[in-house]
Amino acid sequence: MSLHDRISSIKEAAAQELRAAKELPSLERAKGQFLGPEGSFTALMKELGTLAKEARPIAGKAINAAKQELESILAEKRSELELRAALPKEPADFSLPGRRRPVGRLHPLTQVTDDIVRAFRKLGFAVADGPEIEDEYHCFDALNTPKDHPARDSQDTFFIDTEGRPLLRTHTSSVQIRVMEKTPPPIRIVVPGRVFRRDNADATHNPTFHQIEGLYVDKGVTVSDLKGTVEAVFKEVLGDDVKLRFRPHYFSYTEPSLEIDFTNSLVKKLGKDWLEIAGCGMVHPKVFETVGYDPEVWSGWAFGFGIERIAMLRYGITDIRLFYENDARFLRQF
């Protein structure tokens, strides 16, 4: 048999063997048998030296062409077998119920904050944010808080011991000042965020907690607008049975100032008739003058309350510290 006939015969046998492979190991064995260092085509290449000089290029070209054809078959078959190996051994029944992996969930304070913000958004309020490290001007001076106010003492506020007396903000009202400095009225914003006060860590107090404040500035804004907004938000968050009452109070940045008490079934469970929930009032004219608003043209109200207190009422939690302990047993309940 001539060399060319042997090339053709070996190529056909190799192609048949490669195509017949059922698994990747058998495919690799067939590759080694025909195309490997000790394979049939390597042996044929070694025989080229026995041919006449003019016959060698023709035979070498035929061997290379056969090898290229077999390499193509090998690659196609390998791809087929790899795909088959990746498929499940048994058909999948997609009608069977799946297994859900345990996933994370929102912290209860985040859930309550989102619900409060959602209630405000329905009334046309936008969300504003600001720095937690503040200066005395935005936290106190611009809010008409005098130098001798107790809140400005080191026993009430966390001051950072650097030049300029920066501090950890005691309320999110500082963001209201920053927004009014940059934005002409009308303004309708809510400001959720973390605040800091020197408060003993006990069942109802913590040195860091969360507040949300609302600010509405426009022409002709009145206390009745404030009452309607507050009532709508608290009924959205705490239930339709919420009832509110407003008591005179004092805040340096509002005039008149009011405390808000509320009652509903949650308060009754605590054995109380009313519970103080928020502070509010009409924005003080001096605050408007500080940010460049004309108090003869513009009026507005502001109010704020603690998110932890709302969450404790909603979920029946009696110890505020549970929110910060990151105990998975506690958090899984929400």
Protein backbone atom coordinates (compact mmCIF):
# COMPACT_ATOMS: atom_id res chain seq x y z
CA MET A 1 0.00 0.00 0.00
CA SER A 2 1.38 3.39 -0.97
CA LEU A 3 1.99 6.13 1.60
CA HIS A 4 -0.90 8.20 0.21
CA ASP A 5 -3.27 5.25 0.57
CA ARG A 6 -2.11 4.71 4.13
CA ILE A 7 -2.65 8.40 4.93
CA SER A 8 -6.22 8.18 3.62
CA SER A 9 -6.90 4.92 5.47
CA ILE A 10 -5.54 6.18 8.80
CA LYS A 11 -7.46 9.47 8.44
CA GLU A 12 -10.75 7.61 7.92
CA ALA A 13 -10.09 5.32 10.88
CA ALA A 14 -9.16 8.27 13.09
CA ALA A 15 -12.24 10.29 12.07
CA GLN A 16 -14.48 7.29 12.81
CA GLU A 17 -12.81 6.75 16.21
CA LEU A 18 -13.08 10.44 17.19
CA ARG A 19 -16.73 10.69 16.19
CA ALA A 20 -17.58 7.47 18.05
CA ALA A 21 -16.18 8.68 21.39
CA LYS A 22 -18.87 8.76 24.10
CA GLU A 23 -16.87 10.49 26.82
CA LEU A 24 -14.00 12.95 27.06
CA PRO A 25 -11.45 10.33 28.28
CA SER A 26 -12.11 8.09 25.28
CA LEU A 27 -11.82 11.11 23.00
CA GLU A 28 -8.43 11.99 24.49
CA ARG A 29 -7.28 8.38 24.03
CA ALA A 30 -8.27 8.48 20.35
CA LYS A 31 -6.44 11.78 19.94
CA GLY A 32 -3.27 10.28 21.41
CA GLN A 33 -3.57 7.19 19.22
CA PHE A 34 -3.66 9.15 15.99
CA LEU A 35 -2.39 12.71 16.64
CA GLY A 36 -0.21 12.33 19.74
CA PRO A 37 3.63 12.23 19.89
CA GLU A 38 3.51 8.44 19.52
CA GLY A 39 0.48 8.42 17.23
CA SER A 40 -0.02 7.16 13.70
CA PHE A 41 0.49 10.49 11.96
CA THR A 42 3.74 11.13 13.82
CA ALA A 43 4.94 7.75 12.51
CA LEU A 44 3.94 8.75 8.98
CA MET A 45 5.93 11.99 9.28
CA LYS A 46 9.00 9.93 10.23
CA GLU A 47 8.63 7.96 7.00
CA LEU A 48 9.00 11.04 4.84
CA GLY A 49 12.76 10.63 4.96
CA THR A 50 12.49 7.33 3.07
CA LEU A 51 10.72 8.95 0.11
CA ALA A 52 12.31 10.41 -2.98
CA LYS A 53 13.20 14.08 -2.61
CA GLU A 54 10.50 15.26 -5.02
CA ALA A 55 7.79 13.14 -3.32
CA ARG A 56 8.40 14.43 0.20
CA PRO A 57 6.57 17.83 -0.14
CA ILE A 58 3.50 16.19 -1.64
CA ALA A 59 3.31 13.54 1.07
CA GLY A 60 3.98 16.09 3.84
CA LYS A 61 1.22 18.30 2.53
CA ALA A 62 -1.23 15.38 2.49
CA ILE A 63 -0.33 14.43 6.07
CA ASN A 64 -0.82 18.02 7.32
CA ALA A 65 -4.16 18.34 5.50
CA ALA A 66 -5.37 15.10 7.09
CA LYS A 67 -4.23 16.26 10.54
CA GLN A 68 -6.03 19.60 10.14
CA GLU A 69 -9.24 17.83 9.19
CA LEU A 70 -8.95 15.55 12.22
CA GLU A 71 -8.20 18.53 14.52
CA SER A 72 -11.43 20.13 13.35
CA ILE A 73 -13.38 16.92 14.09
CA LEU A 74 -11.64 16.68 17.48
CA ALA A 75 -12.57 20.23 18.46
CA GLU A 76 -16.19 19.80 17.45
CA LYS A 77 -16.48 16.49 19.31
CA ARG A 78 -14.80 17.88 22.43
CA SER A 79 -17.24 20.81 22.53
CA GLU A 80 -20.16 18.40 22.21
CA LEU A 81 -18.92 16.11 25.01
CA GLU A 82 -18.12 19.05 27.35
CA LEU A 83 -21.65 20.38 26.91
CA ARG A 84 -23.09 16.94 27.52
CA ALA A 85 -20.99 16.54 30.68
CA ALA A 86 -22.34 19.85 32.01
CA LEU A 87 -25.98 18.77 31.63
CA PRO A 88 -27.77 17.18 34.60
CA LYS A 89 -27.68 13.40 34.66
CA GLU A 90 -31.44 13.27 35.15
CA PRO A 91 -34.06 15.52 33.56
CA ALA A 92 -35.15 18.41 35.77
CA ASP A 93 -38.77 18.69 36.87
CA PHE A 94 -39.41 22.43 36.78
CA SER A 95 -42.85 21.97 38.37
CA LEU A 96 -41.25 21.00 41.70
CA PRO A 97 -41.11 23.67 44.43
CA GLY A 98 -37.75 25.41 44.66
CA ARG A 99 -35.49 25.90 47.63
CA ARG A 100 -35.07 29.53 48.64
CA ARG A 101 -31.76 30.61 50.01
CA PRO A 102 -31.93 32.74 53.14
CA VAL A 103 -31.36 36.37 52.15
CA GLY A 104 -30.86 39.54 54.11
CA ARG A 105 -33.60 41.96 54.95
CA LEU A 106 -33.95 45.61 55.81
CA HIS A 107 -33.25 46.66 59.39
CA PRO A 108 -36.46 47.60 61.26
CA LEU A 109 -35.27 51.22 61.56
CA THR A 110 -34.74 51.31 57.79
CA GLN A 111 -38.21 49.87 57.22
CA VAL A 112 -39.80 52.51 59.42
CA THR A 113 -37.75 55.30 57.82
CA ASP A 114 -38.80 54.16 54.34
CA ASP A 115 -42.46 54.12 55.38
CA ILE A 116 -42.24 57.64 56.83
CA VAL A 117 -40.45 58.99 53.75
CA ARG A 118 -43.02 57.29 51.52
CA ALA A 119 -45.83 59.04 53.42
CA PHE A 120 -44.12 62.41 52.94
CA ARG A 121 -43.48 61.77 49.25
CA LYS A 122 -47.20 61.25 48.73
CA LEU A 123 -47.64 64.83 49.97
CA GLY A 124 -45.03 66.19 47.56
CA PHE A 125 -41.98 66.32 49.81
CA ALA A 126 -38.43 65.70 48.57
CA VAL A 127 -35.68 64.05 50.63
CA ALA A 128 -32.62 66.08 51.67
CA ASP A 129 -29.39 65.00 53.33
CA GLY A 130 -26.42 66.66 55.00
CA PRO A 131 -23.22 66.03 56.98
CA GLU A 132 -23.23 64.31 60.35
CA ILE A 133 -20.16 66.33 61.42
CA GLU A 134 -21.44 69.89 61.66
CA ASP A 135 -20.26 73.34 62.73
CA GLU A 136 -21.83 75.43 65.48
CA TYR A 137 -23.23 77.90 62.99
CA HIS A 138 -25.48 75.45 61.13
CA CYS A 139 -26.35 73.38 64.19
CA PHE A 140 -27.04 76.26 66.60
CA ASP A 141 -26.39 79.87 65.51
CA ALA A 142 -28.47 79.81 62.33
CA LEU A 143 -31.27 78.12 64.26
CA ASN A 144 -31.52 81.03 66.71
CA THR A 145 -30.01 79.03 69.56
CA PRO A 146 -28.26 81.41 71.99
CA LYS A 147 -24.69 80.87 73.17
CA ASP A 148 -25.81 80.03 76.70
CA HIS A 149 -28.35 77.40 75.65
CA PRO A 150 -27.84 74.09 77.54
CA ALA A 151 -27.70 72.15 74.27
CA ARG A 152 -24.42 73.90 73.46
CA ASP A 153 -22.71 72.60 76.60
CA SER A 154 -20.25 69.74 76.36
CA GLN A 155 -22.38 67.63 78.68
CA ASP A 156 -25.14 67.61 76.05
CA THR A 157 -23.28 67.69 72.73
CA PHE A 158 -20.33 65.74 71.33
CA PHE A 159 -17.77 68.39 70.34
CA ILE A 160 -14.75 67.34 68.29
CA ASP A 161 -11.58 68.75 69.78
CA THR A 162 -10.25 70.57 66.74
CA GLU A 163 -10.13 74.20 65.65
CA GLY A 164 -13.50 75.68 64.82
CA ARG A 165 -15.36 73.47 67.33
CA PRO A 166 -16.99 71.05 64.89
CA LEU A 167 -19.47 68.69 66.49
CA LEU A 168 -21.62 65.67 65.88
CA ARG A 169 -24.99 67.11 64.89
CA THR A 170 -27.63 67.00 67.59
CA HIS A 171 -30.55 67.18 65.15
CA THR A 172 -31.17 67.13 61.42
CA SER A 173 -32.42 70.73 61.54
CA SER A 174 -28.95 71.80 60.40
CA VAL A 175 -29.80 70.35 56.98
CA GLN A 176 -32.81 72.65 56.80
CA ILE A 177 -30.45 75.63 57.11
CA ARG A 178 -28.13 74.26 54.43
CA VAL A 179 -31.03 73.70 52.03
CA MET A 180 -32.51 77.17 52.59
CA GLU A 181 -29.09 78.79 52.10
CA LYS A 182 -28.87 77.30 48.61
CA THR A 183 -32.51 77.05 47.53
CA PRO A 184 -35.06 79.84 47.10
CA PRO A 185 -38.59 79.16 48.37
CA PRO A 186 -40.97 77.45 48.07
CA ILE A 187 -39.38 74.43 49.79
CA ARG A 188 -40.92 71.15 50.85
CA ILE A 189 -38.39 68.65 52.24
CA VAL A 190 -37.93 65.86 54.77
CA VAL A 191 -34.56 65.12 56.34
CA PRO A 192 -33.98 61.63 57.77
CA GLY A 193 -30.64 60.94 59.41
CA ARG A 194 -28.52 59.92 62.36
CA VAL A 195 -27.97 62.36 65.23
CA PHE A 196 -25.85 62.32 68.38
CA ARG A 197 -26.41 63.49 71.94
CA ARG A 198 -24.79 62.78 75.28
CA ASP A 199 -27.54 60.50 76.50
CA ASN A 200 -27.05 57.51 78.78
CA ALA A 201 -27.53 54.18 77.03
CA ASP A 202 -30.58 52.74 78.75
CA ALA A 203 -33.86 51.19 77.69
CA THR A 204 -35.22 54.44 76.19
CA HIS A 205 -32.11 56.54 75.40
CA ASN A 206 -28.99 56.09 73.32
CA PRO A 207 -26.08 58.42 72.45
CA THR A 208 -26.84 57.95 68.76
CA PHE A 209 -30.31 57.66 67.27
CA HIS A 210 -32.26 58.69 64.17
CA GLN A 211 -34.54 61.62 63.46
CA ILE A 212 -36.66 62.77 60.57
CA GLU A 213 -37.65 66.41 60.18
CA GLY A 214 -39.99 68.16 57.81
CA LEU A 215 -39.79 71.71 56.47
CA TYR A 216 -42.39 73.51 54.39
CA VAL A 217 -41.86 77.12 53.28
CA ASP A 218 -44.19 79.04 50.98
CA LYS A 219 -46.46 82.05 50.95
CA GLY A 220 -49.42 81.83 53.30
CA VAL A 221 -48.35 78.70 55.19
CA THR A 222 -50.23 78.33 58.49
CA VAL A 223 -50.39 76.11 61.55
CA SER A 224 -53.41 74.36 60.04
CA ASP A 225 -51.15 73.17 57.18
CA LEU A 226 -48.78 71.79 59.80
CA LYS A 227 -51.53 69.96 61.65
CA GLY A 228 -52.95 68.43 58.48
CA THR A 229 -49.56 67.19 57.34
CA VAL A 230 -48.62 65.71 60.70
CA GLU A 231 -51.94 63.92 61.01
CA ALA A 232 -51.71 62.46 57.50
CA VAL A 233 -48.18 61.15 58.08
CA PHE A 234 -48.87 59.57 61.47
CA LYS A 235 -52.05 57.89 60.27
CA GLU A 236 -50.12 56.49 57.30
CA VAL A 237 -47.36 55.12 59.55
CA LEU A 238 -49.16 54.17 62.78
CA GLY A 239 -52.74 53.48 61.70
CA ASP A 240 -56.01 55.25 60.99
CA ASP A 241 -56.96 55.27 64.68
CA VAL A 242 -54.30 57.89 65.49
CA LYS A 243 -55.50 60.98 67.33
CA LEU A 244 -53.27 64.02 67.93
CA ARG A 245 -53.19 66.93 70.33
CA PHE A 246 -50.91 69.97 70.25
CA ARG A 247 -49.51 71.63 73.39
CA PRO A 248 -47.64 74.96 73.65
CA HIS A 249 -43.89 74.53 74.07
CA TYR A 250 -40.62 76.36 73.42
CA PHE A 251 -38.03 75.82 70.70
CA SER A 252 -35.57 78.55 69.80
CA TYR A 253 -36.05 78.10 66.04
CA THR A 254 -39.87 78.10 65.90
CA GLU A 255 -42.51 80.57 67.08
CA PRO A 256 -45.09 79.55 68.07
CA SER A 257 -43.72 76.16 69.13
CA LEU A 258 -45.76 73.06 69.92
CA GLU A 259 -45.35 69.56 71.31
CA ILE A 260 -47.37 66.81 69.64
CA ASP A 261 -49.00 64.04 71.67
CA PHE A 262 -50.76 61.14 70.06
CA THR A 263 -52.91 58.22 71.07
CA ASN A 264 -54.10 55.03 69.39
CA SER A 265 -54.38 51.32 70.18
CA LEU A 266 -50.57 51.01 70.44
CA VAL A 267 -50.44 53.66 73.17
CA LYS A 268 -53.35 52.05 75.01
CA LYS A 269 -51.38 48.78 75.16
CA LEU A 270 -48.71 50.63 77.12
CA GLY A 271 -51.31 51.61 79.70
CA LYS A 272 -51.15 55.29 78.73
CA ASP A 273 -53.72 57.73 77.39
CA TRP A 274 -51.32 59.98 75.44
CA LEU A 275 -47.67 59.83 74.42
CA GLU A 276 -45.41 62.74 73.37
CA ILE A 277 -44.16 62.00 69.87
CA ALA A 278 -42.79 65.12 68.15
CA GLY A 279 -41.93 68.79 68.35
CA CYS A 280 -42.99 71.38 65.80
CA GLY A 281 -43.80 75.01 65.13
CA MET A 282 -43.78 77.88 62.69
CA VAL A 283 -40.25 78.78 61.55
CA HIS A 284 -38.90 81.70 63.58
CA PRO A 285 -38.53 84.97 61.59
CA LYS A 286 -34.88 85.22 62.73
CA VAL A 287 -34.13 81.89 61.07
CA PHE A 288 -35.59 83.18 57.79
CA GLU A 289 -33.55 86.37 58.08
CA THR A 290 -30.37 84.35 58.64
CA VAL A 291 -30.82 82.40 55.39
CA GLY A 292 -31.91 85.47 53.42
CA TYR A 293 -35.68 84.86 53.30
CA ASP A 294 -38.02 87.80 53.86
CA PRO A 295 -40.28 86.78 56.81
CA GLU A 296 -42.85 89.33 55.66
CA VAL A 297 -43.26 87.39 52.42
CA TRP A 298 -42.56 83.78 53.35
CA SER A 299 -43.84 81.63 56.19
CA GLY A 300 -43.28 78.02 57.01
CA TRP A 301 -43.37 75.24 59.55
CA ALA A 302 -40.97 72.56 60.71
CA PHE A 303 -41.34 69.46 62.85
CA GLY A 304 -39.21 66.50 63.84
CA PHE A 305 -39.43 63.22 65.70
CA GLY A 306 -37.35 60.18 66.56
CA ILE A 307 -37.55 57.15 64.28
CA GLU A 308 -36.63 54.73 67.09
CA ARG A 309 -39.69 55.78 69.10
CA ILE A 310 -41.97 55.12 66.13
CA ALA A 311 -40.36 51.71 65.58
CA MET A 312 -40.64 50.80 69.27
CA LEU A 313 -44.34 51.65 69.24
CA ARG A 314 -45.05 49.84 65.99
CA TYR A 315 -43.24 46.62 66.94
CA GLY A 316 -43.84 46.62 70.69
CA ILE A 317 -40.14 46.97 71.56
CA THR A 318 -39.32 48.16 75.07
CA ASP A 319 -35.51 48.48 74.85
CA ILE A 320 -33.98 50.86 72.28
CA ARG A 321 -30.60 49.13 72.56
CA LEU A 322 -31.93 46.08 70.71
CA PHE A 323 -31.79 48.08 67.47
CA TYR A 324 -27.99 48.40 67.68
CA GLU A 325 -26.86 44.99 68.95
CA ASN A 326 -27.02 43.27 65.53
CA ASP A 327 -28.53 40.17 67.11
CA ALA A 328 -29.78 38.05 64.20
CA ARG A 329 -32.46 36.48 66.40
CA PHE A 330 -33.95 39.92 66.96
CA LEU A 331 -33.60 41.14 63.37
CA ARG A 332 -35.17 38.03 61.79
CA GLN A 333 -38.52 39.04 63.29
CA PHE A 334 -38.88 41.98 60.93
